[in-house]
């Protein structure tokens, strides 16, 4: 009865759909109109994501809204670096004991985050698993479907020697490196007394993953933008390399990176080496964009309108598909 009552509440949250969704919440699956007017050769883009162990910190600090935004921000970023328009998101919430107010808060926030970034939460799954998941624990995952014109796919295949690597600033740790942060807190709890921009350390850690769709979508049809890499686990070196052609390298000068204060604090309290920092965290770079040299100033100007700082950190040279990190 509780599950049915909760699902009815979810249906009310998600009942405001657009014309592309052909049935209502509660059906066995979502029907989505795939006509895609305006696309000559539409290519669908799929991705599944979860916000990792940041979920634990969010639940412990009664911050369900931020973790919902984290999930959507990370998910959409992974799709849009292909040049895609996000269309539909479906979530999965696994819990030990279903609490209606908690579930509705999560779903409502997921829905709001989707709408803010031009897509819809069209359904999902809520699974109560007593004896498997502890009461009070909520495990979130979600998947997305996006669409991109075949001729406008941004996959790095058009990157050439001489292109410029730009850093698009992050707003914090996003959703990666949280297990290490939890370990640092456990070993040196005094870090919780630190403040950044007047806000407690933990509040800065829980700041939602920045979503770049609204700031980037206006650049997708410009031939000067040839590559986008979402900087997540593995840092710049292990994400930018995923879009490099086999005969090209990217040289990244870390001395040019505007490292955020939160990473300086983590380094201090965790006694971490720079190499470990750059492999674990984004260090202030949420996305790297590879652009033609004559397009750099236009990209910076465009992104600035959306409050996203962008600056040069590297170049594309002949090589073997690797990222060369220079101190």
C-alpha atoms as a PDB file:
ATOM      1  CA  UNK A   1       0.000   0.000   0.000  1.00  0.00           C
ATOM      2  CA  UNK A   2       2.839   2.380   0.845  1.00  0.00           C
ATOM      3  CA  UNK A   3       4.557   1.587  -2.452  1.00  0.00           C
ATOM      4  CA  UNK A   4       1.365   2.176  -4.435  1.00  0.00           C
ATOM      5  CA  UNK A   5       0.710   5.418  -2.585  1.00  0.00           C
ATOM      6  CA  UNK A   6       4.282   6.580  -3.252  1.00  0.00           C
ATOM      7  CA  UNK A   7       4.043   5.688  -6.933  1.00  0.00           C
ATOM      8  CA  UNK A   8       0.836   7.686  -7.225  1.00  0.00           C
ATOM      9  CA  UNK A   9       2.735  10.647  -5.797  1.00  0.00           C
ATOM     10  CA  UNK A  10       5.535  10.101  -8.317  1.00  0.00           C
ATOM     11  CA  UNK A  11       2.985  10.024 -11.156  1.00  0.00           C
ATOM     12  CA  UNK A  12       1.678  13.427 -10.096  1.00  0.00           C
ATOM     13  CA  UNK A  13       5.208  14.844 -10.143  1.00  0.00           C
ATOM     14  CA  UNK A  14       5.921  13.496 -13.630  1.00  0.00           C
ATOM     15  CA  UNK A  15       2.503  13.908 -15.211  1.00  0.00           C
ATOM     16  CA  UNK A  16       3.388  17.160 -17.007  1.00  0.00           C
ATOM     17  CA  UNK A  17       4.985  15.768 -20.141  1.00  0.00           C
ATOM     18  CA  UNK A  18       5.456  17.101 -23.674  1.00  0.00           C
ATOM     19  CA  UNK A  19       3.888  15.761 -26.848  1.00  0.00           C
ATOM     20  CA  UNK A  20       6.794  13.386 -27.551  1.00  0.00           C
ATOM     21  CA  UNK A  21       5.835  11.172 -24.587  1.00  0.00           C
ATOM     22  CA  UNK A  22       2.874   9.125 -25.801  1.00  0.00           C
ATOM     23  CA  UNK A  23       1.727   7.491 -22.570  1.00  0.00           C
ATOM     24  CA  UNK A  24       1.449   8.348 -18.894  1.00  0.00           C
ATOM     25  CA  UNK A  25       3.586   7.364 -15.937  1.00  0.00           C
ATOM     26  CA  UNK A  26       2.514   3.955 -14.667  1.00  0.00           C
ATOM     27  CA  UNK A  27       2.739   2.131 -17.982  1.00  0.00           C
ATOM     28  CA  UNK A  28       5.134  -0.818 -18.198  1.00  0.00           C
ATOM     29  CA  UNK A  29       7.514   1.297 -20.295  1.00  0.00           C
ATOM     30  CA  UNK A  30       7.710   4.805 -21.747  1.00  0.00           C
ATOM     31  CA  UNK A  31       6.697   5.432 -25.352  1.00  0.00           C
ATOM     32  CA  UNK A  32       8.726   8.266 -26.893  1.00  0.00           C
ATOM     33  CA  UNK A  33       8.048   9.631 -30.374  1.00  0.00           C
ATOM     34  CA  UNK A  34      11.236   9.157 -32.415  1.00  0.00           C
ATOM     35  CA  UNK A  35      10.294  11.310 -35.393  1.00  0.00           C
ATOM     36  CA  UNK A  36      12.827  14.061 -34.455  1.00  0.00           C
ATOM     37  CA  UNK A  37      11.706  16.806 -36.856  1.00  0.00           C
ATOM     38  CA  UNK A  38      14.599  19.026 -37.927  1.00  0.00           C
ATOM     39  CA  UNK A  39      17.116  16.150 -37.948  1.00  0.00           C
ATOM     40  CA  UNK A  40      18.203  14.674 -41.300  1.00  0.00           C
ATOM     41  CA  UNK A  41      19.968  11.676 -39.750  1.00  0.00           C
ATOM     42  CA  UNK A  42      19.321  11.528 -36.002  1.00  0.00           C
ATOM     43  CA  UNK A  43      21.719   9.455 -33.908  1.00  0.00           C
ATOM     44  CA  UNK A  44      20.619   8.385 -30.434  1.00  0.00           C
ATOM     45  CA  UNK A  45      23.036   8.787 -27.531  1.00  0.00           C
ATOM     46  CA  UNK A  46      22.734   6.547 -24.439  1.00  0.00           C
ATOM     47  CA  UNK A  47      24.407   6.750 -21.034  1.00  0.00           C
ATOM     48  CA  UNK A  48      23.932   5.299 -17.532  1.00  0.00           C
ATOM     49  CA  UNK A  49      25.436   6.983 -14.479  1.00  0.00           C
ATOM     50  CA  UNK A  50      25.391   7.101 -10.684  1.00  0.00           C
ATOM     51  CA  UNK A  51      26.799   9.670  -8.237  1.00  0.00           C
ATOM     52  CA  UNK A  52      29.093   7.195  -6.463  1.00  0.00           C
ATOM     53  CA  UNK A  53      29.875   7.359  -2.764  1.00  0.00           C
ATOM     54  CA  UNK A  54      28.833  11.012  -2.668  1.00  0.00           C
ATOM     55  CA  UNK A  55      25.382   9.550  -2.024  1.00  0.00           C
ATOM     56  CA  UNK A  56      26.534   8.438   1.425  1.00  0.00           C
ATOM     57  CA  UNK A  57      27.774  11.914   2.358  1.00  0.00           C
ATOM     58  CA  UNK A  58      24.579  13.496   1.035  1.00  0.00           C
ATOM     59  CA  UNK A  59      22.319  11.184   3.059  1.00  0.00           C
ATOM     60  CA  UNK A  60      24.402  11.651   6.203  1.00  0.00           C
ATOM     61  CA  UNK A  61      24.070  15.432   5.833  1.00  0.00           C
ATOM     62  CA  UNK A  62      20.376  15.452   4.872  1.00  0.00           C
ATOM     63  CA  UNK A  63      21.193  16.778   1.417  1.00  0.00           C
ATOM     64  CA  UNK A  64      19.014  14.729  -0.933  1.00  0.00           C
ATOM     65  CA  UNK A  65      18.372  17.631  -3.293  1.00  0.00           C
ATOM     66  CA  UNK A  66      22.066  18.162  -3.992  1.00  0.00           C
ATOM     67  CA  UNK A  67      22.718  14.502  -4.788  1.00  0.00           C
ATOM     68  CA  UNK A  68      19.771  14.482  -7.208  1.00  0.00           C
ATOM     69  CA  UNK A  69      21.272  17.458  -9.039  1.00  0.00           C
ATOM     70  CA  UNK A  70      24.671  15.722  -8.947  1.00  0.00           C
ATOM     71  CA  UNK A  71      23.249  12.691 -10.706  1.00  0.00           C
ATOM     72  CA  UNK A  72      21.545  14.681 -13.463  1.00  0.00           C
ATOM     73  CA  UNK A  73      24.484  17.045 -13.973  1.00  0.00           C
ATOM     74  CA  UNK A  74      26.965  14.201 -14.379  1.00  0.00           C
ATOM     75  CA  UNK A  75      24.617  12.196 -16.590  1.00  0.00           C
ATOM     76  CA  UNK A  76      23.791  15.057 -18.968  1.00  0.00           C
ATOM     77  CA  UNK A  77      27.440  16.121 -19.246  1.00  0.00           C
ATOM     78  CA  UNK A  78      28.431  12.642 -20.423  1.00  0.00           C
ATOM     79  CA  UNK A  79      25.830  12.800 -23.194  1.00  0.00           C
ATOM     80  CA  UNK A  80      26.354  16.375 -24.351  1.00  0.00           C
ATOM     81  CA  UNK A  81      30.093  16.007 -24.922  1.00  0.00           C
ATOM     82  CA  UNK A  82      28.936  14.122 -28.041  1.00  0.00           C
ATOM     83  CA  UNK A  83      27.089  17.257 -29.134  1.00  0.00           C
ATOM     84  CA  UNK A  84      23.765  15.710 -28.136  1.00  0.00           C
ATOM     85  CA  UNK A  85      20.517  17.285 -27.031  1.00  0.00           C
ATOM     86  CA  UNK A  86      19.294  15.475 -23.882  1.00  0.00           C
ATOM     87  CA  UNK A  87      15.782  14.067 -24.294  1.00  0.00           C
ATOM     88  CA  UNK A  88      14.697  11.582 -21.649  1.00  0.00           C
ATOM     89  CA  UNK A  89      16.037  10.491 -18.260  1.00  0.00           C
ATOM     90  CA  UNK A  90      14.872   7.461 -16.279  1.00  0.00           C
ATOM     91  CA  UNK A  91      15.971   6.891 -12.708  1.00  0.00           C
ATOM     92  CA  UNK A  92      16.331   3.923 -10.390  1.00  0.00           C
ATOM     93  CA  UNK A  93      16.131   4.295  -6.604  1.00  0.00           C
ATOM     94  CA  UNK A  94      17.019   1.268  -4.477  1.00  0.00           C
ATOM     95  CA  UNK A  95      16.315   1.496  -0.743  1.00  0.00           C
ATOM     96  CA  UNK A  96      16.066  -0.674   2.366  1.00  0.00           C
ATOM     97  CA  UNK A  97      12.780   0.835   3.465  1.00  0.00           C
ATOM     98  CA  UNK A  98      10.561   3.060   1.364  1.00  0.00           C
ATOM     99  CA  UNK A  99       9.859   6.469   2.887  1.00  0.00           C
ATOM    100  CA  UNK A 100       7.298   8.329   0.808  1.00  0.00           C
ATOM    101  CA  UNK A 101       8.496  11.847   1.616  1.00  0.00           C
ATOM    102  CA  UNK A 102      12.119  10.969   0.827  1.00  0.00           C
ATOM    103  CA  UNK A 103      11.273   9.260  -2.464  1.00  0.00           C
ATOM    104  CA  UNK A 104       9.046  12.124  -3.607  1.00  0.00           C
ATOM    105  CA  UNK A 105      11.714  14.675  -2.692  1.00  0.00           C
ATOM    106  CA  UNK A 106      14.321  12.792  -4.743  1.00  0.00           C
ATOM    107  CA  UNK A 107      12.043  12.305  -7.761  1.00  0.00           C
ATOM    108  CA  UNK A 108      10.775  15.883  -7.666  1.00  0.00           C
ATOM    109  CA  UNK A 109      14.329  17.231  -7.585  1.00  0.00           C
ATOM    110  CA  UNK A 110      15.469  14.899 -10.378  1.00  0.00           C
ATOM    111  CA  UNK A 111      12.538  16.148 -12.461  1.00  0.00           C
ATOM    112  CA  UNK A 112      13.375  19.803 -11.768  1.00  0.00           C
ATOM    113  CA  UNK A 113      17.043  19.256 -12.663  1.00  0.00           C
ATOM    114  CA  UNK A 114      16.026  17.638 -15.959  1.00  0.00           C
ATOM    115  CA  UNK A 115      13.668  20.474 -16.887  1.00  0.00           C
ATOM    116  CA  UNK A 116      16.347  23.064 -16.155  1.00  0.00           C
ATOM    117  CA  UNK A 117      18.499  21.351 -18.764  1.00  0.00           C
ATOM    118  CA  UNK A 118      15.995  20.843 -21.560  1.00  0.00           C
ATOM    119  CA  UNK A 119      14.941  17.230 -20.978  1.00  0.00           C
ATOM    120  CA  UNK A 120      12.345  15.180 -19.098  1.00  0.00           C
ATOM    121  CA  UNK A 121      12.304  12.613 -16.330  1.00  0.00           C
ATOM    122  CA  UNK A 122       9.940  10.181 -18.046  1.00  0.00           C
ATOM    123  CA  UNK A 123       9.827   7.390 -15.468  1.00  0.00           C
ATOM    124  CA  UNK A 124      11.986   4.892 -13.642  1.00  0.00           C
ATOM    125  CA  UNK A 125      12.026   2.310 -10.896  1.00  0.00           C
ATOM    126  CA  UNK A 126      11.777   2.450  -7.112  1.00  0.00           C
ATOM    127  CA  UNK A 127      12.877  -0.806  -5.497  1.00  0.00           C
ATOM    128  CA  UNK A 128      12.495  -1.586  -1.787  1.00  0.00           C
ATOM    129  CA  UNK A 129      14.960  -4.328  -0.787  1.00  0.00           C
ATOM    130  CA  UNK A 130      14.770  -5.053   2.971  1.00  0.00           C
ATOM    131  CA  UNK A 131      17.540  -7.295   4.203  1.00  0.00           C
ATOM    132  CA  UNK A 132      19.678  -6.356   1.212  1.00  0.00           C
ATOM    133  CA  UNK A 133      19.999  -2.580   1.644  1.00  0.00           C
ATOM    134  CA  UNK A 134      20.027  -1.047   5.179  1.00  0.00           C
ATOM    135  CA  UNK A 135      17.083   1.141   6.200  1.00  0.00           C
ATOM    136  CA  UNK A 136      17.808   4.814   5.567  1.00  0.00           C
ATOM    137  CA  UNK A 137      20.106   4.036   2.637  1.00  0.00           C
ATOM    138  CA  UNK A 138      19.139   5.188  -0.857  1.00  0.00           C
ATOM    139  CA  UNK A 139      21.133   4.174  -3.934  1.00  0.00           C
ATOM    140  CA  UNK A 140      20.494   6.256  -7.047  1.00  0.00           C
ATOM    141  CA  UNK A 141      21.259   5.567 -10.680  1.00  0.00           C
ATOM    142  CA  UNK A 142      19.813   6.945 -13.916  1.00  0.00           C
ATOM    143  CA  UNK A 143      20.116   6.655 -17.666  1.00  0.00           C
ATOM    144  CA  UNK A 144      19.642   9.190 -20.417  1.00  0.00           C
ATOM    145  CA  UNK A 145      18.721   9.202 -24.086  1.00  0.00           C
ATOM    146  CA  UNK A 146      19.878  12.100 -26.243  1.00  0.00           C
ATOM    147  CA  UNK A 147      19.920  12.874 -29.948  1.00  0.00           C
ATOM    148  CA  UNK A 148      22.491  14.404 -32.278  1.00  0.00           C
ATOM    149  CA  UNK A 149      22.632  15.053 -36.013  1.00  0.00           C
ATOM    150  CA  UNK A 150      25.075  12.533 -37.500  1.00  0.00           C
ATOM    151  CA  UNK A 151      27.093  15.209 -39.320  1.00  0.00           C
ATOM    152  CA  UNK A 152      27.383  17.229 -36.090  1.00  0.00           C
ATOM    153  CA  UNK A 153      28.635  14.510 -33.728  1.00  0.00           C
ATOM    154  CA  UNK A 154      31.462  15.787 -31.525  1.00  0.00           C
ATOM    155  CA  UNK A 155      33.676  12.757 -30.879  1.00  0.00           C
ATOM    156  CA  UNK A 156      37.198  14.098 -31.375  1.00  0.00           C
ATOM    157  CA  UNK A 157      37.637  12.620 -34.850  1.00  0.00           C
ATOM    158  CA  UNK A 158      38.006  16.125 -36.323  1.00  0.00           C
ATOM    159  CA  UNK A 159      40.788  17.182 -33.946  1.00  0.00           C
ATOM    160  CA  UNK A 160      43.931  18.341 -35.787  1.00  0.00           C
ATOM    161  CA  UNK A 161      47.474  19.327 -34.879  1.00  0.00           C
ATOM    162  CA  UNK A 162      47.573  22.920 -33.622  1.00  0.00           C
ATOM    163  CA  UNK A 163      44.120  22.885 -32.040  1.00  0.00           C
ATOM    164  CA  UNK A 164      43.800  24.484 -28.606  1.00  0.00           C
ATOM    165  CA  UNK A 165      42.721  22.782 -25.348  1.00  0.00           C
ATOM    166  CA  UNK A 166      40.479  24.953 -23.190  1.00  0.00           C
ATOM    167  CA  UNK A 167      39.522  24.383 -19.554  1.00  0.00           C
ATOM    168  CA  UNK A 168      35.894  25.024 -18.583  1.00  0.00           C
ATOM    169  CA  UNK A 169      35.859  25.672 -14.860  1.00  0.00           C
ATOM    170  CA  UNK A 170      34.165  23.309 -12.434  1.00  0.00           C
ATOM    171  CA  UNK A 171      32.290  24.550  -9.368  1.00  0.00           C
ATOM    172  CA  UNK A 172      33.937  22.088  -6.981  1.00  0.00           C
ATOM    173  CA  UNK A 173      34.715  18.393  -6.651  1.00  0.00           C
ATOM    174  CA  UNK A 174      31.628  17.370  -8.661  1.00  0.00           C
ATOM    175  CA  UNK A 175      31.044  13.611  -8.109  1.00  0.00           C
ATOM    176  CA  UNK A 176      34.552  12.163  -8.192  1.00  0.00           C
ATOM    177  CA  UNK A 177      37.176  11.557  -5.533  1.00  0.00           C
ATOM    178  CA  UNK A 178      34.546  11.370  -2.796  1.00  0.00           C
ATOM    179  CA  UNK A 179      35.848   8.091  -1.329  1.00  0.00           C
ATOM    180  CA  UNK A 180      39.223   9.779  -0.812  1.00  0.00           C
ATOM    181  CA  UNK A 181      37.532  12.839   0.701  1.00  0.00           C
ATOM    182  CA  UNK A 182      35.611  10.609   3.135  1.00  0.00           C
ATOM    183  CA  UNK A 183      38.906   8.940   4.101  1.00  0.00           C
ATOM    184  CA  UNK A 184      40.544  12.340   4.714  1.00  0.00           C
ATOM    185  CA  UNK A 185      37.587  13.408   6.881  1.00  0.00           C
ATOM    186  CA  UNK A 186      37.839  10.153   8.838  1.00  0.00           C
ATOM    187  CA  UNK A 187      41.583  10.523   9.436  1.00  0.00           C
ATOM    188  CA  UNK A 188      41.605  14.296   9.989  1.00  0.00           C
ATOM    189  CA  UNK A 189      38.131  15.533  11.027  1.00  0.00           C
ATOM    190  CA  UNK A 190      39.504  19.038  11.640  1.00  0.00           C
ATOM    191  CA  UNK A 191      39.060  19.592   7.907  1.00  0.00           C
ATOM    192  CA  UNK A 192      35.332  20.000   8.640  1.00  0.00           C
ATOM    193  CA  UNK A 193      36.145  23.282  10.411  1.00  0.00           C
ATOM    194  CA  UNK A 194      37.492  24.781   7.179  1.00  0.00           C
ATOM    195  CA  UNK A 195      35.412  27.325   5.252  1.00  0.00           C
ATOM    196  CA  UNK A 196      35.480  28.252   1.583  1.00  0.00           C
ATOM    197  CA  UNK A 197      33.794  31.449   0.419  1.00  0.00           C
ATOM    198  CA  UNK A 198      32.171  31.680   3.837  1.00  0.00           C
ATOM    199  CA  UNK A 199      30.561  28.230   3.586  1.00  0.00           C
ATOM    200  CA  UNK A 200      31.471  25.108   5.622  1.00  0.00           C
ATOM    201  CA  UNK A 201      33.781  22.570   4.012  1.00  0.00           C
ATOM    202  CA  UNK A 202      31.107  19.848   3.796  1.00  0.00           C
ATOM    203  CA  UNK A 203      28.696  22.235   2.077  1.00  0.00           C
ATOM    204  CA  UNK A 204      31.336  22.891  -0.566  1.00  0.00           C
ATOM    205  CA  UNK A 205      31.893  19.158  -1.058  1.00  0.00           C
ATOM    206  CA  UNK A 206      28.156  18.592  -1.512  1.00  0.00           C
ATOM    207  CA  UNK A 207      27.767  21.407  -4.049  1.00  0.00           C
ATOM    208  CA  UNK A 208      26.010  19.801  -7.057  1.00  0.00           C
ATOM    209  CA  UNK A 209      27.944  18.774 -10.140  1.00  0.00           C
ATOM    210  CA  UNK A 210      27.831  21.642 -12.639  1.00  0.00           C
ATOM    211  CA  UNK A 211      25.851  20.873 -15.791  1.00  0.00           C
ATOM    212  CA  UNK A 212      27.248  22.500 -18.950  1.00  0.00           C
ATOM    213  CA  UNK A 213      24.426  21.903 -21.432  1.00  0.00           C
ATOM    214  CA  UNK A 214      22.848  25.349 -21.399  1.00  0.00           C
ATOM    215  CA  UNK A 215      26.232  27.039 -21.785  1.00  0.00           C
ATOM    216  CA  UNK A 216      27.547  24.732 -24.532  1.00  0.00           C
ATOM    217  CA  UNK A 217      24.535  23.998 -26.733  1.00  0.00           C
ATOM    218  CA  UNK A 218      24.908  27.268 -28.658  1.00  0.00           C
ATOM    219  CA  UNK A 219      28.352  26.111 -29.855  1.00  0.00           C
ATOM    220  CA  UNK A 220      27.431  22.628 -31.045  1.00  0.00           C
ATOM    221  CA  UNK A 221      26.821  23.579 -34.691  1.00  0.00           C
ATOM    222  CA  UNK A 222      30.073  25.504 -35.035  1.00  0.00           C
ATOM    223  CA  UNK A 223      32.857  23.623 -36.847  1.00  0.00           C
ATOM    224  CA  UNK A 224      35.417  25.294 -34.599  1.00  0.00           C
ATOM    225  CA  UNK A 225      34.437  23.033 -31.685  1.00  0.00           C
ATOM    226  CA  UNK A 226      35.993  19.635 -32.406  1.00  0.00           C
ATOM    227  CA  UNK A 227      36.232  17.872 -29.056  1.00  0.00           C
ATOM    228  CA  UNK A 228      34.709  17.804 -25.563  1.00  0.00           C
ATOM    229  CA  UNK A 229      35.828  15.672 -22.620  1.00  0.00           C
ATOM    230  CA  UNK A 230      33.990  15.473 -19.303  1.00  0.00           C
ATOM    231  CA  UNK A 231      36.641  15.449 -16.561  1.00  0.00           C
ATOM    232  CA  UNK A 232      35.601  12.831 -14.018  1.00  0.00           C
ATOM    233  CA  UNK A 233      37.491   9.982 -12.293  1.00  0.00           C
ATOM    234  CA  UNK A 234      41.029   9.788 -13.639  1.00  0.00           C
ATOM    235  CA  UNK A 235      41.315  13.542 -14.071  1.00  0.00           C
ATOM    236  CA  UNK A 236      42.322  15.314 -17.262  1.00  0.00           C
ATOM    237  CA  UNK A 237      44.864  12.709 -18.385  1.00  0.00           C
ATOM    238  CA  UNK A 238      42.434   9.790 -18.304  1.00  0.00           C
ATOM    239  CA  UNK A 239      39.475  11.575 -19.858  1.00  0.00           C
ATOM    240  CA  UNK A 240      40.849  13.910 -22.520  1.00  0.00           C
ATOM    241  CA  UNK A 241      42.727  10.941 -24.025  1.00  0.00           C
ATOM    242  CA  UNK A 242      39.373   9.260 -24.741  1.00  0.00           C
ATOM    243  CA  UNK A 243      38.661  11.676 -27.600  1.00  0.00           C
ATOM    244  CA  UNK A 244      42.155  12.014 -29.109  1.00  0.00           C
ATOM    245  CA  UNK A 245      42.901  10.537 -32.561  1.00  0.00           C
ATOM    246  CA  UNK A 246      45.567   7.801 -32.468  1.00  0.00           C
ATOM    247  CA  UNK A 247      48.199   9.994 -34.140  1.00  0.00           C
ATOM    248  CA  UNK A 248      47.817  13.055 -31.901  1.00  0.00           C
ATOM    249  CA  UNK A 249      48.732  13.989 -28.331  1.00  0.00           C
ATOM    250  CA  UNK A 250      47.478  16.761 -26.067  1.00  0.00           C
ATOM    251  CA  UNK A 251      50.055  18.714 -24.047  1.00  0.00           C
ATOM    252  CA  UNK A 252      48.448  20.128 -20.885  1.00  0.00           C
ATOM    253  CA  UNK A 253      50.290  22.707 -18.769  1.00  0.00           C
ATOM    254  CA  UNK A 254      49.058  22.220 -15.198  1.00  0.00           C
ATOM    255  CA  UNK A 255      50.697  25.491 -14.110  1.00  0.00           C
ATOM    256  CA  UNK A 256      47.981  27.282 -16.091  1.00  0.00           C
ATOM    257  CA  UNK A 257      45.121  25.529 -14.276  1.00  0.00           C
ATOM    258  CA  UNK A 258      43.206  27.714 -11.838  1.00  0.00           C
ATOM    259  CA  UNK A 259      43.063  25.265  -8.952  1.00  0.00           C
ATOM    260  CA  UNK A 260      40.035  25.765  -6.695  1.00  0.00           C
ATOM    261  CA  UNK A 261      40.513  26.394  -2.974  1.00  0.00           C
ATOM    262  CA  UNK A 262      38.767  23.163  -2.010  1.00  0.00           C
ATOM    263  CA  UNK A 263      41.508  21.126  -3.703  1.00  0.00           C
ATOM    264  CA  UNK A 264      44.224  23.096  -1.905  1.00  0.00           C
ATOM    265  CA  UNK A 265      42.554  22.261   1.411  1.00  0.00           C
ATOM    266  CA  UNK A 266      42.238  18.577   0.479  1.00  0.00           C
ATOM    267  CA  UNK A 267      45.908  18.445  -0.474  1.00  0.00           C
ATOM    268  CA  UNK A 268      46.923  20.030   2.841  1.00  0.00           C
ATOM    269  CA  UNK A 269      44.846  17.835   5.140  1.00  0.00           C
ATOM    270  CA  UNK A 270      45.299  14.668   3.073  1.00  0.00           C
ATOM    271  CA  UNK A 271      49.033  15.240   2.541  1.00  0.00           C
ATOM    272  CA  UNK A 272      48.566  14.329  -1.096  1.00  0.00           C
ATOM    273  CA  UNK A 273      51.029  14.506  -3.976  1.00  0.00           C
ATOM    274  CA  UNK A 274      50.185  16.625  -7.024  1.00  0.00           C
ATOM    275  CA  UNK A 275      50.184  13.545  -9.276  1.00  0.00           C
ATOM    276  CA  UNK A 276      47.575  11.840  -7.092  1.00  0.00           C
ATOM    277  CA  UNK A 277      45.490  15.024  -6.946  1.00  0.00           C
ATOM    278  CA  UNK A 278      45.396  15.413 -10.714  1.00  0.00           C
ATOM    279  CA  UNK A 279      44.527  11.741 -11.189  1.00  0.00           C
ATOM    280  CA  UNK A 280      41.719  11.735  -8.613  1.00  0.00           C
ATOM    281  CA  UNK A 281      40.078  15.159  -8.897  1.00  0.00           C
ATOM    282  CA  UNK A 282      39.057  17.557 -11.654  1.00  0.00           C
ATOM    283  CA  UNK A 283      41.190  20.249  -9.919  1.00  0.00           C
ATOM    284  CA  UNK A 284      38.901  23.006 -11.189  1.00  0.00           C
ATOM    285  CA  UNK A 285      38.398  21.766 -14.758  1.00  0.00           C
ATOM    286  CA  UNK A 286      34.922  20.347 -15.355  1.00  0.00           C
ATOM    287  CA  UNK A 287      35.219  19.925 -19.114  1.00  0.00           C
ATOM    288  CA  UNK A 288      38.068  20.286 -21.584  1.00  0.00           C
ATOM    289  CA  UNK A 289      37.130  21.649 -24.999  1.00  0.00           C
ATOM    290  CA  UNK A 290      39.336  21.221 -28.055  1.00  0.00           C
ATOM    291  CA  UNK A 291      38.790  24.101 -30.482  1.00  0.00           C
ATOM    292  CA  UNK A 292      40.336  25.610 -33.589  1.00  0.00           C
ATOM    293  CA  UNK A 293      42.800  28.375 -32.764  1.00  0.00           C
ATOM    294  CA  UNK A 294      40.727  31.042 -34.520  1.00  0.00           C
ATOM    295  CA  UNK A 295      37.638  30.029 -32.515  1.00  0.00           C
ATOM    296  CA  UNK A 296      39.142  30.408 -29.033  1.00  0.00           C
ATOM    297  CA  UNK A 297      38.063  33.991 -28.325  1.00  0.00           C
ATOM    298  CA  UNK A 298      34.509  33.325 -29.530  1.00  0.00           C
ATOM    299  CA  UNK A 299      34.166  30.286 -27.256  1.00  0.00           C
ATOM    300  CA  UNK A 300      35.414  32.226 -24.243  1.00  0.00           C
ATOM    301  CA  UNK A 301      33.049  35.113 -24.958  1.00  0.00           C
ATOM    302  CA  UNK A 302      30.076  32.798 -25.437  1.00  0.00           C
ATOM    303  CA  UNK A 303      30.663  30.807 -22.248  1.00  0.00           C
ATOM    304  CA  UNK A 304      31.221  33.948 -20.195  1.00  0.00           C
ATOM    305  CA  UNK A 305      27.600  34.933 -20.903  1.00  0.00           C
ATOM    306  CA  UNK A 306      26.568  31.814 -18.957  1.00  0.00           C
ATOM    307  CA  UNK A 307      28.965  32.396 -16.073  1.00  0.00           C
ATOM    308  CA  UNK A 308      31.445  29.734 -17.213  1.00  0.00           C
ATOM    309  CA  UNK A 309      35.090  30.787 -17.254  1.00  0.00           C
ATOM    310  CA  UNK A 310      37.165  29.218 -20.032  1.00  0.00           C
ATOM    311  CA  UNK A 311      40.902  29.525 -20.580  1.00  0.00           C
ATOM    312  CA  UNK A 312      43.759  27.858 -22.465  1.00  0.00           C
ATOM    313  CA  UNK A 313      45.670  24.996 -20.846  1.00  0.00           C
ATOM    314  CA  UNK A 314      47.147  23.082 -23.765  1.00  0.00           C
ATOM    315  CA  UNK A 315      47.768  22.291 -27.420  1.00  0.00           C
ATOM    316  CA  UNK A 316      47.343  19.366 -29.793  1.00  0.00           C
ATOM    317  CA  UNK A 317      50.556  17.963 -31.298  1.00  0.00           C
ATOM    318  CA  UNK A 318      51.595  14.903 -33.280  1.00  0.00           C
ATOM    319  CA  UNK A 319      51.785  11.809 -31.111  1.00  0.00           C
ATOM    320  CA  UNK A 320      50.141   8.531 -30.135  1.00  0.00           C
ATOM    321  CA  UNK A 321      46.764   9.442 -28.618  1.00  0.00           C
ATOM    322  CA  UNK A 322      48.084  10.372 -25.191  1.00  0.00           C
ATOM    323  CA  UNK A 323      47.756  13.309 -22.794  1.00  0.00           C
ATOM    324  CA  UNK A 324      51.125  14.710 -21.727  1.00  0.00           C
ATOM    325  CA  UNK A 325      50.881  16.446 -18.376  1.00  0.00           C
ATOM    326  CA  UNK A 326      53.477  19.166 -17.860  1.00  0.00           C
ATOM    327  CA  UNK A 327      54.071  20.558 -14.336  1.00  0.00           C
END
